[in-house]
Amino acid sequence: MGILSFTLLLFAATAQDVEVFKGTATVTLDTKNHETNIVYRAHSTAEPLYFVLQHEDGVALPAKWSGPARLFLADGVLALVAGSGKAQLFKFPERGIPASLIGKFPFEVIPTYGIARYGHEPPAH
């Protein structure tokens, strides 16, 4: 097996699958618990999706916003790209950016140590 074949196999083995949704996002902050809360209403589903992203103390939290956006989900990665062009990528520090997203959007990368998906109802605090 040549070097090129090995490189292609390595790339295929490390590529991450990304789920993509189109809809509307509402991003709010819980500064007391150092969390970003996202309610996402996908056009393809009747019920909203709720996410809570946990950040280390000292990590700058994103600004709150709401509007049309695409949602990208991968293992340890959640990205939002707003209709305005605003692009935020939340990821575990040890995770890379999925290959299908590299260079496509000017992401503001925000480290997170927890990404919880709560299905169709918001979490109880």
PDB file of N, CA and C in Angstrom:
ATOM      1  N   MET A   1       0.847  -1.170   0.000  1.00  0.00           N
ATOM      2  CA  MET A   1       0.000   0.000   0.000  1.00  0.00           C
ATOM      3  C   MET A   1       0.894   1.235   0.000  1.00  0.00           C
ATOM      4  N   GLY A   2       0.683   2.123  -0.967  1.00  0.00           N
ATOM      5  CA  GLY A   2       1.489   3.331  -1.070  1.00  0.00           C
ATOM      6  C   GLY A   2       1.054   4.382  -0.066  1.00  0.00           C
ATOM      7  N   ILE A   3       1.836   5.454   0.001  1.00  0.00           N
ATOM      8  CA  ILE A   3       1.537   6.534   0.928  1.00  0.00           C
ATOM      9  C   ILE A   3       0.203   7.187   0.593  1.00  0.00           C
ATOM     10  N   LEU A   4      -0.084   7.384  -0.694  1.00  0.00           N
ATOM     11  CA  LEU A   4      -1.341   8.014  -1.092  1.00  0.00           C
ATOM     12  C   LEU A   4      -2.530   7.166  -0.646  1.00  0.00           C
ATOM     13  N   SER A   5      -2.441   5.840  -0.830  1.00  0.00           N
ATOM     14  CA  SER A   5      -3.534   4.965  -0.409  1.00  0.00           C
ATOM     15  C   SER A   5      -3.747   5.045   1.095  1.00  0.00           C
ATOM     16  N   PHE A   6      -2.655   5.052   1.856  1.00  0.00           N
ATOM     17  CA  PHE A   6      -2.762   5.136   3.307  1.00  0.00           C
ATOM     18  C   PHE A   6      -3.394   6.463   3.720  1.00  0.00           C
ATOM     19  N   THR A   7      -3.000   7.561   3.072  1.00  0.00           N
ATOM     20  CA  THR A   7      -3.552   8.879   3.394  1.00  0.00           C
ATOM     21  C   THR A   7      -5.049   8.907   3.130  1.00  0.00           C
ATOM     22  N   LEU A   8      -5.488   8.347   2.001  1.00  0.00           N
ATOM     23  CA  LEU A   8      -6.906   8.328   1.687  1.00  0.00           C
ATOM     24  C   LEU A   8      -7.682   7.485   2.685  1.00  0.00           C
ATOM     25  N   LEU A   9      -7.136   6.354   3.095  1.00  0.00           N
ATOM     26  CA  LEU A   9      -7.805   5.521   4.093  1.00  0.00           C
ATOM     27  C   LEU A   9      -7.883   6.240   5.435  1.00  0.00           C
ATOM     28  N   LEU A  10      -6.803   6.917   5.820  1.00  0.00           N
ATOM     29  CA  LEU A  10      -6.787   7.642   7.082  1.00  0.00           C
ATOM     30  C   LEU A  10      -7.822   8.763   7.052  1.00  0.00           C
ATOM     31  N   PHE A  11      -7.911   9.503   5.938  1.00  0.00           N
ATOM     32  CA  PHE A  11      -8.885  10.578   5.818  1.00  0.00           C
ATOM     33  C   PHE A  11     -10.300  10.018   5.939  1.00  0.00           C
ATOM     34  N   ALA A  12     -10.585   8.927   5.263  1.00  0.00           N
ATOM     35  CA  ALA A  12     -11.929   8.334   5.303  1.00  0.00           C
ATOM     36  C   ALA A  12     -12.271   7.853   6.703  1.00  0.00           C
ATOM     37  N   ALA A  13     -11.300   7.339   7.416  1.00  0.00           N
ATOM     38  CA  ALA A  13     -11.558   6.813   8.761  1.00  0.00           C
ATOM     39  C   ALA A  13     -11.790   7.927   9.777  1.00  0.00           C
ATOM     40  N   THR A  14     -11.239   9.126   9.521  1.00  0.00           N
ATOM     41  CA  THR A  14     -11.381  10.200  10.493  1.00  0.00           C
ATOM     42  C   THR A  14     -12.442  11.217  10.094  1.00  0.00           C
ATOM     43  N   ALA A  15     -13.034  11.099   8.925  1.00  0.00           N
ATOM     44  CA  ALA A  15     -14.072  12.046   8.511  1.00  0.00           C
ATOM     45  C   ALA A  15     -15.274  11.910   9.435  1.00  0.00           C
ATOM     46  N   GLN A  16     -15.915  13.051   9.730  1.00  0.00           N
ATOM     47  CA  GLN A  16     -17.066  13.048  10.625  1.00  0.00           C
ATOM     48  C   GLN A  16     -18.331  13.274   9.823  1.00  0.00           C
ATOM     49  N   ASP A  17     -19.374  12.543  10.154  1.00  0.00           N
ATOM     50  CA  ASP A  17     -20.669  12.774   9.538  1.00  0.00           C
ATOM     51  C   ASP A  17     -21.294  13.999  10.176  1.00  0.00           C
ATOM     52  N   VAL A  18     -21.967  14.797   9.374  1.00  0.00           N
ATOM     53  CA  VAL A  18     -22.611  16.014   9.864  1.00  0.00           C
ATOM     54  C   VAL A  18     -24.078  15.975   9.478  1.00  0.00           C
ATOM     55  N   GLU A  19     -24.961  16.159  10.480  1.00  0.00           N
ATOM     56  CA  GLU A  19     -26.392  16.312  10.214  1.00  0.00           C
ATOM     57  C   GLU A  19     -26.644  17.786   9.956  1.00  0.00           C
ATOM     58  N   VAL A  20     -27.504  18.097   8.985  1.00  0.00           N
ATOM     59  CA  VAL A  20     -27.790  19.488   8.646  1.00  0.00           C
ATOM     60  C   VAL A  20     -29.295  19.717   8.714  1.00  0.00           C
ATOM     61  N   PHE A  21     -29.695  20.835   9.351  1.00  0.00           N
ATOM     62  CA  PHE A  21     -31.095  21.213   9.447  1.00  0.00           C
ATOM     63  C   PHE A  21     -31.235  22.666   9.011  1.00  0.00           C
ATOM     64  N   LYS A  22     -32.386  23.000   8.446  1.00  0.00           N
ATOM     65  CA  LYS A  22     -32.713  24.390   8.129  1.00  0.00           C
ATOM     66  C   LYS A  22     -33.899  24.789   8.990  1.00  0.00           C
ATOM     67  N   GLY A  23     -33.846  25.998   9.559  1.00  0.00           N
ATOM     68  CA  GLY A  23     -34.932  26.444  10.421  1.00  0.00           C
ATOM     69  C   GLY A  23     -34.625  27.771  11.062  1.00  0.00           C
ATOM     70  N   THR A  24     -35.035  27.908  12.332  1.00  0.00           N
ATOM     71  CA  THR A  24     -34.856  29.145  13.086  1.00  0.00           C
ATOM     72  C   THR A  24     -34.225  28.825  14.429  1.00  0.00           C
ATOM     73  N   ALA A  25     -33.230  29.615  14.798  1.00  0.00           N
ATOM     74  CA  ALA A  25     -32.530  29.426  16.071  1.00  0.00           C
ATOM     75  C   ALA A  25     -32.797  30.593  17.003  1.00  0.00           C
ATOM     76  N   THR A  26     -32.880  30.276  18.293  1.00  0.00           N
ATOM     77  CA  THR A  26     -32.906  31.283  19.340  1.00  0.00           C
ATOM     78  C   THR A  26     -31.795  30.923  20.316  1.00  0.00           C
ATOM     79  N   VAL A  27     -30.817  31.813  20.428  1.00  0.00           N
ATOM     80  CA  VAL A  27     -29.664  31.584  21.300  1.00  0.00           C
ATOM     81  C   VAL A  27     -29.788  32.521  22.496  1.00  0.00           C
ATOM     82  N   THR A  28     -29.832  31.934  23.699  1.00  0.00           N
ATOM     83  CA  THR A  28     -29.881  32.717  24.939  1.00  0.00           C
ATOM     84  C   THR A  28     -28.750  32.261  25.848  1.00  0.00           C
ATOM     85  N   LEU A  29     -28.501  33.047  26.883  1.00  0.00           N
ATOM     86  CA  LEU A  29     -27.396  32.747  27.786  1.00  0.00           C
ATOM     87  C   LEU A  29     -27.889  32.573  29.211  1.00  0.00           C
ATOM     88  N   ASP A  30     -27.249  31.648  29.912  1.00  0.00           N
ATOM     89  CA  ASP A  30     -27.452  31.477  31.351  1.00  0.00           C
ATOM     90  C   ASP A  30     -26.082  31.750  31.976  1.00  0.00           C
ATOM     91  N   THR A  31     -25.825  33.025  32.274  1.00  0.00           N
ATOM     92  CA  THR A  31     -24.499  33.400  32.768  1.00  0.00           C
ATOM     93  C   THR A  31     -24.204  32.822  34.151  1.00  0.00           C
ATOM     94  N   LYS A  32     -25.240  32.609  34.947  1.00  0.00           N
ATOM     95  CA  LYS A  32     -25.049  32.037  36.287  1.00  0.00           C
ATOM     96  C   LYS A  32     -24.434  30.637  36.190  1.00  0.00           C
ATOM     97  N   ASN A  33     -24.911  29.839  35.246  1.00  0.00           N
ATOM     98  CA  ASN A  33     -24.404  28.476  35.075  1.00  0.00           C
ATOM     99  C   ASN A  33     -23.383  28.362  33.947  1.00  0.00           C
ATOM    100  N   HIS A  34     -23.023  29.482  33.336  1.00  0.00           N
ATOM    101  CA  HIS A  34     -22.057  29.547  32.238  1.00  0.00           C
ATOM    102  C   HIS A  34     -22.472  28.613  31.086  1.00  0.00           C
ATOM    103  N   GLU A  35     -23.715  28.812  30.632  1.00  0.00           N
ATOM    104  CA  GLU A  35     -24.290  27.963  29.587  1.00  0.00           C
ATOM    105  C   GLU A  35     -24.846  28.802  28.440  1.00  0.00           C
ATOM    106  N   THR A  36     -24.835  28.210  27.266  1.00  0.00           N
ATOM    107  CA  THR A  36     -25.530  28.745  26.101  1.00  0.00           C
ATOM    108  C   THR A  36     -26.727  27.840  25.867  1.00  0.00           C
ATOM    109  N   ASN A  37     -27.907  28.429  25.742  1.00  0.00           N
ATOM    110  CA  ASN A  37     -29.124  27.653  25.481  1.00  0.00           C
ATOM    111  C   ASN A  37     -29.593  27.943  24.064  1.00  0.00           C
ATOM    112  N   ILE A  38     -29.919  26.887  23.342  1.00  0.00           N
ATOM    113  CA  ILE A  38     -30.357  27.026  21.954  1.00  0.00           C
ATOM    114  C   ILE A  38     -31.686  26.306  21.784  1.00  0.00           C
ATOM    115  N   VAL A  39     -32.651  27.023  21.250  1.00  0.00           N
ATOM    116  CA  VAL A  39     -33.917  26.414  20.831  1.00  0.00           C
ATOM    117  C   VAL A  39     -33.894  26.482  19.311  1.00  0.00           C
ATOM    118  N   TYR A  40     -34.019  25.323  18.683  1.00  0.00           N
ATOM    119  CA  TYR A  40     -33.952  25.267  17.221  1.00  0.00           C
ATOM    120  C   TYR A  40     -35.242  24.674  16.680  1.00  0.00           C
ATOM    121  N   ARG A  41     -35.892  25.424  15.823  1.00  0.00           N
ATOM    122  CA  ARG A  41     -37.126  24.968  15.174  1.00  0.00           C
ATOM    123  C   ARG A  41     -36.811  24.646  13.714  1.00  0.00           C
ATOM    124  N   ALA A  42     -36.626  23.353  13.453  1.00  0.00           N
ATOM    125  CA  ALA A  42     -36.305  22.909  12.093  1.00  0.00           C
ATOM    126  C   ALA A  42     -37.574  22.895  11.247  1.00  0.00           C
ATOM    127  N   HIS A  43     -37.420  23.257   9.978  1.00  0.00           N
ATOM    128  CA  HIS A  43     -38.564  23.216   9.064  1.00  0.00           C
ATOM    129  C   HIS A  43     -39.080  21.790   8.881  1.00  0.00           C
ATOM    130  N   SER A  44     -38.207  20.798   9.054  1.00  0.00           N
ATOM    131  CA  SER A  44     -38.563  19.406   8.789  1.00  0.00           C
ATOM    132  C   SER A  44     -39.209  18.686   9.970  1.00  0.00           C
ATOM    133  N   THR A  45     -39.271  19.336  11.148  1.00  0.00           N
ATOM    134  CA  THR A  45     -39.868  18.694  12.316  1.00  0.00           C
ATOM    135  C   THR A  45     -40.911  19.613  12.941  1.00  0.00           C
ATOM    136  N   ALA A  46     -41.924  19.025  13.544  1.00  0.00           N
ATOM    137  CA  ALA A  46     -42.986  19.814  14.165  1.00  0.00           C
ATOM    138  C   ALA A  46     -42.552  20.377  15.519  1.00  0.00           C
ATOM    139  N   GLU A  47     -41.709  19.661  16.225  1.00  0.00           N
ATOM    140  CA  GLU A  47     -41.301  20.059  17.567  1.00  0.00           C
ATOM    141  C   GLU A  47     -39.906  20.677  17.553  1.00  0.00           C
ATOM    142  N   PRO A  48     -39.659  21.662  18.414  1.00  0.00           N
ATOM    143  CA  PRO A  48     -38.321  22.263  18.487  1.00  0.00           C
ATOM    144  C   PRO A  48     -37.318  21.318  19.142  1.00  0.00           C
ATOM    145  N   LEU A  49     -36.044  21.589  18.899  1.00  0.00           N
ATOM    146  CA  LEU A  49     -34.945  20.885  19.546  1.00  0.00           C
ATOM    147  C   LEU A  49     -34.325  21.839  20.553  1.00  0.00           C
ATOM    148  N   TYR A  50     -33.987  21.333  21.734  1.00  0.00           N
ATOM    149  CA  TYR A  50     -33.397  22.142  22.785  1.00  0.00           C
ATOM    150  C   TYR A  50     -31.983  21.637  23.060  1.00  0.00           C
ATOM    151  N   PHE A  51     -31.036  22.580  23.114  1.00  0.00           N
ATOM    152  CA  PHE A  51     -29.650  22.242  23.414  1.00  0.00           C
ATOM    153  C   PHE A  51     -29.161  23.124  24.553  1.00  0.00           C
ATOM    154  N   VAL A  52     -28.355  22.542  25.436  1.00  0.00           N
ATOM    155  CA  VAL A  52     -27.667  23.296  26.480  1.00  0.00           C
ATOM    156  C   VAL A  52     -26.179  22.999  26.305  1.00  0.00           C
ATOM    157  N   LEU A  53     -25.398  24.075  26.136  1.00  0.00           N
ATOM    158  CA  LEU A  53     -23.953  23.957  25.946  1.00  0.00           C
ATOM    159  C   LEU A  53     -23.269  24.521  27.182  1.00  0.00           C
ATOM    160  N   GLN A  54     -22.424  23.717  27.806  1.00  0.00           N
ATOM    161  CA  GLN A  54     -21.739  24.124  29.031  1.00  0.00           C
ATOM    162  C   GLN A  54     -20.325  24.579  28.696  1.00  0.00           C
ATOM    163  N   HIS A  55     -19.920  25.693  29.332  1.00  0.00           N
ATOM    164  CA  HIS A  55     -18.610  26.269  29.069  1.00  0.00           C
ATOM    165  C   HIS A  55     -17.815  26.388  30.360  1.00  0.00           C
ATOM    166  N   GLU A  56     -16.496  26.321  30.223  1.00  0.00           N
ATOM    167  CA  GLU A  56     -15.608  26.543  31.367  1.00  0.00           C
ATOM    168  C   GLU A  56     -15.711  27.999  31.801  1.00  0.00           C
ATOM    169  N   ASP A  57     -15.464  28.261  33.082  1.00  0.00           N
ATOM    170  CA  ASP A  57     -15.373  29.647  33.553  1.00  0.00           C
ATOM    171  C   ASP A  57     -14.276  30.343  32.763  1.00  0.00           C
ATOM    172  N   GLY A  58     -14.521  31.591  32.403  1.00  0.00           N
ATOM    173  CA  GLY A  58     -13.522  32.359  31.659  1.00  0.00           C
ATOM    174  C   GLY A  58     -13.709  32.327  30.153  1.00  0.00           C
ATOM    175  N   VAL A  59     -14.495  31.383  29.644  1.00  0.00           N
ATOM    176  CA  VAL A  59     -14.761  31.335  28.206  1.00  0.00           C
ATOM    177  C   VAL A  59     -15.795  32.417  27.892  1.00  0.00           C
ATOM    178  N   ALA A  60     -15.509  33.233  26.899  1.00  0.00           N
ATOM    179  CA  ALA A  60     -16.445  34.292  26.507  1.00  0.00           C
ATOM    180  C   ALA A  60     -17.679  33.658  25.875  1.00  0.00           C
ATOM    181  N   LEU A  61     -18.839  33.964  26.427  1.00  0.00           N
ATOM    182  CA  LEU A  61     -20.091  33.427  25.892  1.00  0.00           C
ATOM    183  C   LEU A  61     -20.490  34.225  24.652  1.00  0.00           C
ATOM    184  N   PRO A  62     -21.178  33.583  23.724  1.00  0.00           N
ATOM    185  CA  PRO A  62     -21.605  34.298  22.523  1.00  0.00           C
ATOM    186  C   PRO A  62     -22.723  35.295  22.844  1.00  0.00           C
ATOM    187  N   ALA A  63     -22.961  36.204  21.929  1.00  0.00           N
ATOM    188  CA  ALA A  63     -24.086  37.133  22.087  1.00  0.00           C
ATOM    189  C   ALA A  63     -25.388  36.383  21.842  1.00  0.00           C
ATOM    190  N   LYS A  64     -26.460  36.806  22.514  1.00  0.00           N
ATOM    191  CA  LYS A  64     -27.753  36.174  22.261  1.00  0.00           C
ATOM    192  C   LYS A  64     -28.295  36.718  20.940  1.00  0.00           C
ATOM    193  N   TRP A  65     -29.026  35.875  20.227  1.00  0.00           N
ATOM    194  CA  TRP A  65     -29.603  36.268  18.948  1.00  0.00           C
ATOM    195  C   TRP A  65     -30.704  35.299  18.561  1.00  0.00           C
ATOM    196  N   SER A  66     -31.467  35.667  17.550  1.00  0.00           N
ATOM    197  CA  SER A  66     -32.551  34.828  17.062  1.00  0.00           C
ATOM    198  C   SER A  66     -32.743  35.108  15.578  1.00  0.00           C
ATOM    199  N   GLY A  67     -33.056  34.065  14.820  1.00  0.00           N
ATOM    200  CA  GLY A  67     -33.331  34.259  13.406  1.00  0.00           C
ATOM    201  C   GLY A  67     -33.143  33.000  12.594  1.00  0.00           C
ATOM    202  N   PRO A  68     -33.356  33.096  11.281  1.00  0.00           N
ATOM    203  CA  PRO A  68     -33.168  31.946  10.404  1.00  0.00           C
ATOM    204  C   PRO A  68     -31.719  31.460  10.476  1.00  0.00           C
ATOM    205  N   ALA A  69     -31.550  30.139  10.490  1.00  0.00           N
ATOM    206  CA  ALA A  69     -30.198  29.589  10.596  1.00  0.00           C
ATOM    207  C   ALA A  69     -30.174  28.134  10.147  1.00  0.00           C
ATOM    208  N   ARG A  70     -29.001  27.711   9.733  1.00  0.00           N
ATOM    209  CA  ARG A  70     -28.748  26.290   9.508  1.00  0.00           C
ATOM    210  C   ARG A  70     -28.045  25.744  10.741  1.00  0.00           C
ATOM    211  N   LEU A  71     -28.401  24.528  11.110  1.00  0.00           N
ATOM    212  CA  LEU A  71     -27.813  23.845  12.253  1.00  0.00           C
ATOM    213  C   LEU A  71     -27.025  22.661  11.731  1.00  0.00           C
ATOM    214  N   PHE A  72     -25.779  22.540  12.181  1.00  0.00           N
ATOM    215  CA  PHE A  72     -24.912  21.421  11.807  1.00  0.00           C
ATOM    216  C   PHE A  72     -24.552  20.675  13.083  1.00  0.00           C
ATOM    217  N   LEU A  73     -24.774  19.362  13.106  1.00  0.00           N
ATOM    218  CA  LEU A  73     -24.463  18.532  14.265  1.00  0.00           C
ATOM    219  C   LEU A  73     -23.501  17.424  13.872  1.00  0.00           C
ATOM    220  N   ALA A  74     -22.464  17.267  14.674  1.00  0.00           N
ATOM    221  CA  ALA A  74     -21.520  16.159  14.502  1.00  0.00           C
ATOM    222  C   ALA A  74     -21.107  15.720  15.910  1.00  0.00           C
ATOM    223  N   ASP A  75     -20.316  14.688  16.001  1.00  0.00           N
ATOM    224  CA  ASP A  75     -19.877  14.171  17.291  1.00  0.00           C
ATOM    225  C   ASP A  75     -19.022  15.215  18.004  1.00  0.00           C
ATOM    226  N   GLY A  76     -19.545  15.803  19.092  1.00  0.00           N
ATOM    227  CA  GLY A  76     -18.811  16.800  19.857  1.00  0.00           C
ATOM    228  C   GLY A  76     -18.772  18.175  19.228  1.00  0.00           C
ATOM    229  N   VAL A  77     -19.646  18.405  18.220  1.00  0.00           N
ATOM    230  CA  VAL A  77     -19.660  19.677  17.500  1.00  0.00           C
ATOM    231  C   VAL A  77     -21.102  20.094  17.233  1.00  0.00           C
ATOM    232  N   LEU A  78     -21.406  21.371  17.464  1.00  0.00           N
ATOM    233  CA  LEU A  78     -22.684  21.967  17.086  1.00  0.00           C
ATOM    234  C   LEU A  78     -22.353  23.310  16.459  1.00  0.00           C
ATOM    235  N   ALA A  79     -22.850  23.549  15.250  1.00  0.00           N
ATOM    236  CA  ALA A  79     -22.583  24.816  14.568  1.00  0.00           C
ATOM    237  C   ALA A  79     -23.889  25.433  14.101  1.00  0.00           C
ATOM    238  N   LEU A  80     -23.947  26.751  14.166  1.00  0.00           N
ATOM    239  CA  LEU A  80     -25.076  27.523  13.669  1.00  0.00           C
ATOM    240  C   LEU A  80     -24.559  28.533  12.653  1.00  0.00           C
ATOM    241  N   VAL A  81     -25.226  28.617  11.527  1.00  0.00           N
ATOM    242  CA  VAL A  81     -24.906  29.634  10.527  1.00  0.00           C
ATOM    243  C   VAL A  81     -26.190  30.404  10.270  1.00  0.00           C
ATOM    244  N   ALA A  82     -26.206  31.668  10.701  1.00  0.00           N
ATOM    245  CA  ALA A  82     -27.388  32.504  10.575  1.00  0.00           C
ATOM    246  C   ALA A  82     -27.538  33.024   9.154  1.00  0.00           C
ATOM    247  N   GLY A  83     -28.765  33.402   8.824  1.00  0.00           N
ATOM    248  CA  GLY A  83     -29.027  33.995   7.521  1.00  0.00           C
ATOM    249  C   GLY A  83     -28.208  35.251   7.286  1.00  0.00           C
ATOM    250  N   SER A  84     -27.828  35.934   8.366  1.00  0.00           N
ATOM    251  CA  SER A  84     -27.022  37.157   8.277  1.00  0.00           C
ATOM    252  C   SER A  84     -25.554  36.869   7.984  1.00  0.00           C
ATOM    253  N   GLY A  85     -25.166  35.586   8.047  1.00  0.00           N
ATOM    254  CA  GLY A  85     -23.770  35.214   7.843  1.00  0.00           C
ATOM    255  C   GLY A  85     -23.022  34.922   9.128  1.00  0.00           C
ATOM    256  N   LYS A  86     -23.606  35.296  10.267  1.00  0.00           N
ATOM    257  CA  LYS A  86     -22.985  34.986  11.563  1.00  0.00           C
ATOM    258  C   LYS A  86     -22.819  33.475  11.661  1.00  0.00           C
ATOM    259  N   ALA A  87     -21.627  33.022  12.039  1.00  0.00           N
ATOM    260  CA  ALA A  87     -21.355  31.580  12.114  1.00  0.00           C
ATOM    261  C   ALA A  87     -20.673  31.263  13.437  1.00  0.00           C
ATOM    262  N   GLN A  88     -21.301  30.393  14.227  1.00  0.00           N
ATOM    263  CA  GLN A  88     -20.764  29.988  15.526  1.00  0.00           C
ATOM    264  C   GLN A  88     -20.574  28.482  15.537  1.00  0.00           C
ATOM    265  N   LEU A  89     -19.429  28.053  16.027  1.00  0.00           N
ATOM    266  CA  LEU A  89     -19.133  26.630  16.113  1.00  0.00           C
ATOM    267  C   LEU A  89     -18.758  26.316  17.553  1.00  0.00           C
ATOM    268  N   PHE A  90     -19.575  25.510  18.203  1.00  0.00           N
ATOM    269  CA  PHE A  90     -19.333  25.066  19.575  1.00  0.00           C
ATOM    270  C   PHE A  90     -18.743  23.664  19.485  1.00  0.00           C
ATOM    271  N   LYS A  91     -17.599  23.434  20.142  1.00  0.00           N
ATOM    272  CA  LYS A  91     -16.998  22.107  20.045  1.00  0.00           C
ATOM    273  C   LYS A  91     -16.186  21.773  21.285  1.00  0.00           C
ATOM    274  N   PHE A  92     -16.059  20.454  21.512  1.00  0.00           N
ATOM    275  CA  PHE A  92     -15.174  19.978  22.561  1.00  0.00           C
ATOM    276  C   PHE A  92     -13.745  20.322  22.139  1.00  0.00           C
ATOM    277  N   PRO A  93     -12.877  20.707  23.067  1.00  0.00           N
ATOM    278  CA  PRO A  93     -11.512  21.104  22.698  1.00  0.00           C
ATOM    279  C   PRO A  93     -10.747  20.045  21.901  1.00  0.00           C
ATOM    280  N   GLU A  94     -10.999  18.768  22.176  1.00  0.00           N
ATOM    281  CA  GLU A  94     -10.245  17.712  21.494  1.00  0.00           C
ATOM    282  C   GLU A  94     -10.817  17.358  20.119  1.00  0.00           C
ATOM    283  N   ARG A  95     -11.935  17.927  19.753  1.00  0.00           N
ATOM    284  CA  ARG A  95     -12.566  17.636  18.460  1.00  0.00           C
ATOM    285  C   ARG A  95     -12.081  18.620  17.408  1.00  0.00           C
ATOM    286  N   GLY A  96     -11.914  18.110  16.215  1.00  0.00           N
ATOM    287  CA  GLY A  96     -11.597  18.979  15.095  1.00  0.00           C
ATOM    288  C   GLY A  96     -12.881  19.486  14.457  1.00  0.00           C
ATOM    289  N   ILE A  97     -12.734  20.404  13.533  1.00  0.00           N
ATOM    290  CA  ILE A  97     -13.876  20.878  12.767  1.00  0.00           C
ATOM    291  C   ILE A  97     -14.143  19.835  11.681  1.00  0.00           C
ATOM    292  N   PRO A  98     -15.387  19.394  11.513  1.00  0.00           N
ATOM    293  CA  PRO A  98     -15.675  18.399  10.475  1.00  0.00           C
ATOM    294  C   PRO A  98     -15.192  18.870   9.098  1.00  0.00           C
ATOM    295  N   ALA A  99     -14.622  17.956   8.340  1.00  0.00           N
ATOM    296  CA  ALA A  99     -14.035  18.284   7.034  1.00  0.00           C
ATOM    297  C   ALA A  99     -15.029  19.002   6.126  1.00  0.00           C
ATOM    298  N   SER A 100     -16.298  18.625   6.195  1.00  0.00           N
ATOM    299  CA  SER A 100     -17.287  19.240   5.308  1.00  0.00           C
ATOM    300  C   SER A 100     -17.582  20.696   5.663  1.00  0.00           C
ATOM    301  N   LEU A 101     -17.113  21.165   6.832  1.00  0.00           N
ATOM    302  CA  LEU A 101     -17.350  22.552   7.252  1.00  0.00           C
ATOM    303  C   LEU A 101     -16.101  23.429   7.158  1.00  0.00           C
ATOM    304  N   ILE A 102     -14.942  22.820   6.993  1.00  0.00           N
ATOM    305  CA  ILE A 102     -13.690  23.584   6.976  1.00  0.00           C
ATOM    306  C   ILE A 102     -13.674  24.541   5.787  1.00  0.00           C
ATOM    307  N   GLY A 103     -13.436  25.807   6.094  1.00  0.00           N
ATOM    308  CA  GLY A 103     -13.299  26.826   5.059  1.00  0.00           C
ATOM    309  C   GLY A 103     -14.602  27.311   4.443  1.00  0.00           C
ATOM    310  N   LYS A 104     -15.735  26.766   4.859  1.00  0.00           N
ATOM    311  CA  LYS A 104     -17.007  27.163   4.250  1.00  0.00           C
ATOM    312  C   LYS A 104     -17.630  28.379   4.912  1.00  0.00           C
ATOM    313  N   PHE A 105     -17.375  28.580   6.200  1.00  0.00           N
ATOM    314  CA  PHE A 105     -17.975  29.670   6.949  1.00  0.00           C
ATOM    315  C   PHE A 105     -16.922  30.289   7.862  1.00  0.00           C
ATOM    316  N   PRO A 106     -17.021  31.595   8.138  1.00  0.00           N
ATOM    317  CA  PRO A 106     -16.069  32.245   9.054  1.00  0.00           C
ATOM    318  C   PRO A 106     -16.490  32.016  10.508  1.00  0.00           C
ATOM    319  N   PHE A 107     -16.290  30.804  10.995  1.00  0.00           N
ATOM    320  CA  PHE A 107     -16.775  30.426  12.321  1.00  0.00           C
ATOM    321  C   PHE A 107     -16.081  31.171  13.451  1.00  0.00           C
ATOM    322  N   GLU A 108     -16.883  31.584  14.423  1.00  0.00           N
ATOM    323  CA  GLU A 108     -16.395  31.968  15.737  1.00  0.00           C
ATOM    324  C   GLU A 108     -16.402  30.648  16.516  1.00  0.00           C
ATOM    325  N   VAL A 109     -15.229  30.158  16.893  1.00  0.00           N
ATOM    326  CA  VAL A 109     -15.139  28.871  17.586  1.00  0.00           C
ATOM    327  C   VAL A 109     -15.238  29.117  19.087  1.00  0.00           C
ATOM    328  N   ILE A 110     -16.198  28.440  19.716  1.00  0.00           N
ATOM    329  CA  ILE A 110     -16.456  28.608  21.142  1.00  0.00           C
ATOM    330  C   ILE A 110     -16.294  27.244  21.818  1.00  0.00           C
ATOM    331  N   PRO A 111     -15.257  27.081  22.651  1.00  0.00           N
ATOM    332  CA  PRO A 111     -15.057  25.783  23.299  1.00  0.00           C
ATOM    333  C   PRO A 111     -16.174  25.474  24.296  1.00  0.00           C
ATOM    334  N   THR A 112     -16.529  24.216  24.354  1.00  0.00           N
ATOM    335  CA  THR A 112     -17.554  23.753  25.278  1.00  0.00           C
ATOM    336  C   THR A 112     -17.130  22.400  25.834  1.00  0.00           C
ATOM    337  N   TYR A 113     -17.551  22.093  27.035  1.00  0.00           N
ATOM    338  CA  TYR A 113     -17.248  20.761  27.566  1.00  0.00           C
ATOM    339  C   TYR A 113     -18.501  19.911  27.707  1.00  0.00           C
ATOM    340  N   GLY A 114     -19.647  20.468  27.356  1.00  0.00           N
ATOM    341  CA  GLY A 114     -20.879  19.693  27.418  1.00  0.00           C
ATOM    342  C   GLY A 114     -21.870  20.158  26.375  1.00  0.00           C
ATOM    343  N   ILE A 115     -22.406  19.218  25.626  1.00  0.00           N
ATOM    344  CA  ILE A 115     -23.472  19.497  24.659  1.00  0.00           C
ATOM    345  C   ILE A 115     -24.590  18.522  24.973  1.00  0.00           C
ATOM    346  N   ALA A 116     -25.697  19.052  25.494  1.00  0.00           N
ATOM    347  CA  ALA A 116     -26.838  18.202  25.842  1.00  0.00           C
ATOM    348  C   ALA A 116     -27.992  18.519  24.897  1.00  0.00           C
ATOM    349  N   ARG A 117     -28.587  17.479  24.355  1.00  0.00           N
ATOM    350  CA  ARG A 117     -29.746  17.636  23.475  1.00  0.00           C
ATOM    351  C   ARG A 117     -30.968  17.130  24.231  1.00  0.00           C
ATOM    352  N   TYR A 118     -31.990  17.977  24.338  1.00  0.00           N
ATOM    353  CA  TYR A 118     -33.150  17.673  25.155  1.00  0.00           C
ATOM    354  C   TYR A 118     -34.411  17.380  24.358  1.00  0.00           C
ATOM    355  N   GLY A 119     -34.295  16.901  23.160  1.00  0.00           N
ATOM    356  CA  GLY A 119     -35.484  16.513  22.424  1.00  0.00           C
ATOM    357  C   GLY A 119     -36.453  17.652  22.231  1.00  0.00           C
ATOM    358  N   HIS A 120     -37.680  17.481  22.663  1.00  0.00           N
ATOM    359  CA  HIS A 120     -38.726  18.432  22.324  1.00  0.00           C
ATOM    360  C   HIS A 120     -39.216  19.287  23.480  1.00  0.00           C
ATOM    361  N   GLU A 121     -38.598  19.193  24.638  1.00  0.00           N
ATOM    362  CA  GLU A 121     -39.006  20.023  25.771  1.00  0.00           C
ATOM    363  C   GLU A 121     -37.772  20.620  26.429  1.00  0.00           C
ATOM    364  N   PRO A 122     -37.874  21.858  26.892  1.00  0.00           N
ATOM    365  CA  PRO A 122     -36.700  22.459  27.519  1.00  0.00           C
ATOM    366  C   PRO A 122     -36.349  21.750  28.820  1.00  0.00           C
ATOM    367  N   PRO A 123     -35.055  21.793  29.186  1.00  0.00           N
ATOM    368  CA  PRO A 123     -34.643  21.155  30.451  1.00  0.00           C
ATOM    369  C   PRO A 123     -35.199  21.921  31.639  1.00  0.00           C
ATOM    370  N   ALA A 124     -35.441  21.230  32.726  1.00  0.00           N
ATOM    371  CA  ALA A 124     -35.880  21.861  33.967  1.00  0.00           C
ATOM    372  C   ALA A 124     -34.637  22.234  34.758  1.00  0.00           C
ATOM    373  N   HIS A 125     -34.532  23.470  35.153  1.00  0.00           N
ATOM    374  CA  HIS A 125     -33.365  23.920  35.964  1.00  0.00           C
ATOM    375  C   HIS A 125     -33.796  24.053  37.382  1.00  0.00           C
TER     376      HIS A 125
END
